[in-house]
Amino acid sequence: MLESGKLQHYVQMAWSRTTHIGCAVQNCRISSMVVCRYRPVGRRLNDVIYEVGDTCSACPRGSACEEATGLCSIRA
């Protein structure tokens, strides 16, 4: 199901309201582990990932439209 396991993490990463992502990788002898944290947290079950509308029509305050991607980007 979409809301369980690995897909839940992808959906949080791709959610239009996610503004910060931080990840770390730990390589061990026989495996590796990747851990990521997202802000804001709290995407709820059945929330849409993106709103339908014109490109960059609802960029949040403090962000700007990246013309190359058509996505809102937080200003550095």
C-alpha atoms as a PDB file:
ATOM      1  CA  MET A   1       0.000   0.000   0.000  1.00  0.00           C
ATOM      2  CA  LEU A   2       1.191   3.526  -0.739  1.00  0.00           C
ATOM      3  CA  GLU A   3       1.194   4.698   2.867  1.00  0.00           C
ATOM      4  CA  SER A   4       3.336   1.841   4.162  1.00  0.00           C
ATOM      5  CA  GLY A   5       6.988   0.991   3.846  1.00  0.00           C
ATOM      6  CA  LYS A   6       9.389   2.665   1.457  1.00  0.00           C
ATOM      7  CA  LEU A   7       6.813   4.532  -0.643  1.00  0.00           C
ATOM      8  CA  GLN A   8       5.710   6.580   2.344  1.00  0.00           C
ATOM      9  CA  HIS A   9       9.192   8.102   2.536  1.00  0.00           C
ATOM     10  CA  TYR A  10       9.207   8.869  -1.196  1.00  0.00           C
ATOM     11  CA  VAL A  11       5.824  10.572  -0.927  1.00  0.00           C
ATOM     12  CA  GLN A  12       7.044  12.737   1.988  1.00  0.00           C
ATOM     13  CA  MET A  13      10.117  13.713  -0.054  1.00  0.00           C
ATOM     14  CA  ALA A  14       8.036  14.569  -3.150  1.00  0.00           C
ATOM     15  CA  TRP A  15       5.256  16.386  -1.217  1.00  0.00           C
ATOM     16  CA  SER A  16       4.888  19.959  -2.456  1.00  0.00           C
ATOM     17  CA  ARG A  17       4.995  21.341   1.091  1.00  0.00           C
ATOM     18  CA  THR A  18       8.289  19.676   2.010  1.00  0.00           C
ATOM     19  CA  THR A  19      10.843  22.486   2.218  1.00  0.00           C
ATOM     20  CA  HIS A  20      13.850  20.808   3.839  1.00  0.00           C
ATOM     21  CA  ILE A  21      15.432  17.375   3.383  1.00  0.00           C
ATOM     22  CA  GLY A  22      18.521  16.163   5.217  1.00  0.00           C
ATOM     23  CA  CYS A  23      20.036  12.725   4.630  1.00  0.00           C
ATOM     24  CA  ALA A  24      22.986  10.736   5.950  1.00  0.00           C
ATOM     25  CA  VAL A  25      24.624   7.546   4.674  1.00  0.00           C
ATOM     26  CA  GLN A  26      26.454   5.005   6.821  1.00  0.00           C
ATOM     27  CA  ASN A  27      28.458   2.331   5.026  1.00  0.00           C
ATOM     28  CA  CYS A  28      28.997  -0.805   7.085  1.00  0.00           C
ATOM     29  CA  ARG A  29      30.916  -3.973   6.351  1.00  0.00           C
ATOM     30  CA  ILE A  30      28.096  -5.838   4.572  1.00  0.00           C
ATOM     31  CA  SER A  31      25.428  -3.189   4.051  1.00  0.00           C
ATOM     32  CA  SER A  32      24.673   0.512   3.963  1.00  0.00           C
ATOM     33  CA  MET A  33      21.995   2.592   5.647  1.00  0.00           C
ATOM     34  CA  VAL A  34      20.433   5.848   4.461  1.00  0.00           C
ATOM     35  CA  VAL A  35      18.357   7.976   6.851  1.00  0.00           C
ATOM     36  CA  CYS A  36      16.487  11.123   5.798  1.00  0.00           C
ATOM     37  CA  ARG A  37      14.522  13.715   7.755  1.00  0.00           C
ATOM     38  CA  TYR A  38      11.959  16.056   6.220  1.00  0.00           C
ATOM     39  CA  ARG A  39      10.378  19.380   7.185  1.00  0.00           C
ATOM     40  CA  PRO A  40       7.625  20.014   7.698  1.00  0.00           C
ATOM     41  CA  VAL A  41       6.593  16.608   8.956  1.00  0.00           C
ATOM     42  CA  GLY A  42       3.031  15.462   9.109  1.00  0.00           C
ATOM     43  CA  ARG A  43       1.827  14.646   5.627  1.00  0.00           C
ATOM     44  CA  ARG A  44      -1.500  12.989   6.346  1.00  0.00           C
ATOM     45  CA  LEU A  45      -2.990   9.875   4.799  1.00  0.00           C
ATOM     46  CA  ASN A  46      -4.662  10.648   1.441  1.00  0.00           C
ATOM     47  CA  ASP A  47      -3.203  14.185   1.157  1.00  0.00           C
ATOM     48  CA  VAL A  48      -2.351  15.017  -2.435  1.00  0.00           C
ATOM     49  CA  ILE A  49       1.352  15.396  -3.227  1.00  0.00           C
ATOM     50  CA  TYR A  50       0.877  18.387  -5.543  1.00  0.00           C
ATOM     51  CA  GLU A  51      -2.003  20.761  -6.186  1.00  0.00           C
ATOM     52  CA  VAL A  52      -3.297  21.029  -9.746  1.00  0.00           C
ATOM     53  CA  GLY A  53      -2.621  24.451 -11.283  1.00  0.00           C
ATOM     54  CA  ASP A  54      -0.330  26.539 -13.410  1.00  0.00           C
ATOM     55  CA  THR A  55       3.418  26.116 -12.962  1.00  0.00           C
ATOM     56  CA  CYS A  56       4.676  28.019  -9.899  1.00  0.00           C
ATOM     57  CA  SER A  57       1.244  29.571  -9.326  1.00  0.00           C
ATOM     58  CA  ALA A  58       1.357  28.982  -5.569  1.00  0.00           C
ATOM     59  CA  CYS A  59       5.003  29.336  -4.510  1.00  0.00           C
ATOM     60  CA  PRO A  60       5.151  29.944  -0.754  1.00  0.00           C
ATOM     61  CA  ARG A  61       6.578  33.139   0.735  1.00  0.00           C
ATOM     62  CA  GLY A  62      10.363  33.154   0.616  1.00  0.00           C
ATOM     63  CA  SER A  63      10.551  31.065  -2.532  1.00  0.00           C
ATOM     64  CA  ALA A  64      10.793  31.721  -6.238  1.00  0.00           C
ATOM     65  CA  CYS A  65       9.950  29.899  -9.441  1.00  0.00           C
ATOM     66  CA  GLU A  66      12.820  27.950 -10.993  1.00  0.00           C
ATOM     67  CA  GLU A  67      12.130  28.356 -14.691  1.00  0.00           C
ATOM     68  CA  ALA A  68      14.309  25.378 -15.672  1.00  0.00           C
ATOM     69  CA  THR A  69      12.242  22.939 -13.592  1.00  0.00           C
ATOM     70  CA  GLY A  70       8.936  24.750 -13.198  1.00  0.00           C
ATOM     71  CA  LEU A  71       9.131  24.171  -9.447  1.00  0.00           C
ATOM     72  CA  CYS A  72       9.172  26.550  -6.493  1.00  0.00           C
ATOM     73  CA  SER A  73      12.582  26.834  -4.845  1.00  0.00           C
ATOM     74  CA  ILE A  74      13.490  28.341  -1.471  1.00  0.00           C
ATOM     75  CA  ARG A  75      15.810  31.325  -1.809  1.00  0.00           C
ATOM     76  CA  ALA A  76      19.221  30.793  -0.255  1.00  0.00           C
END
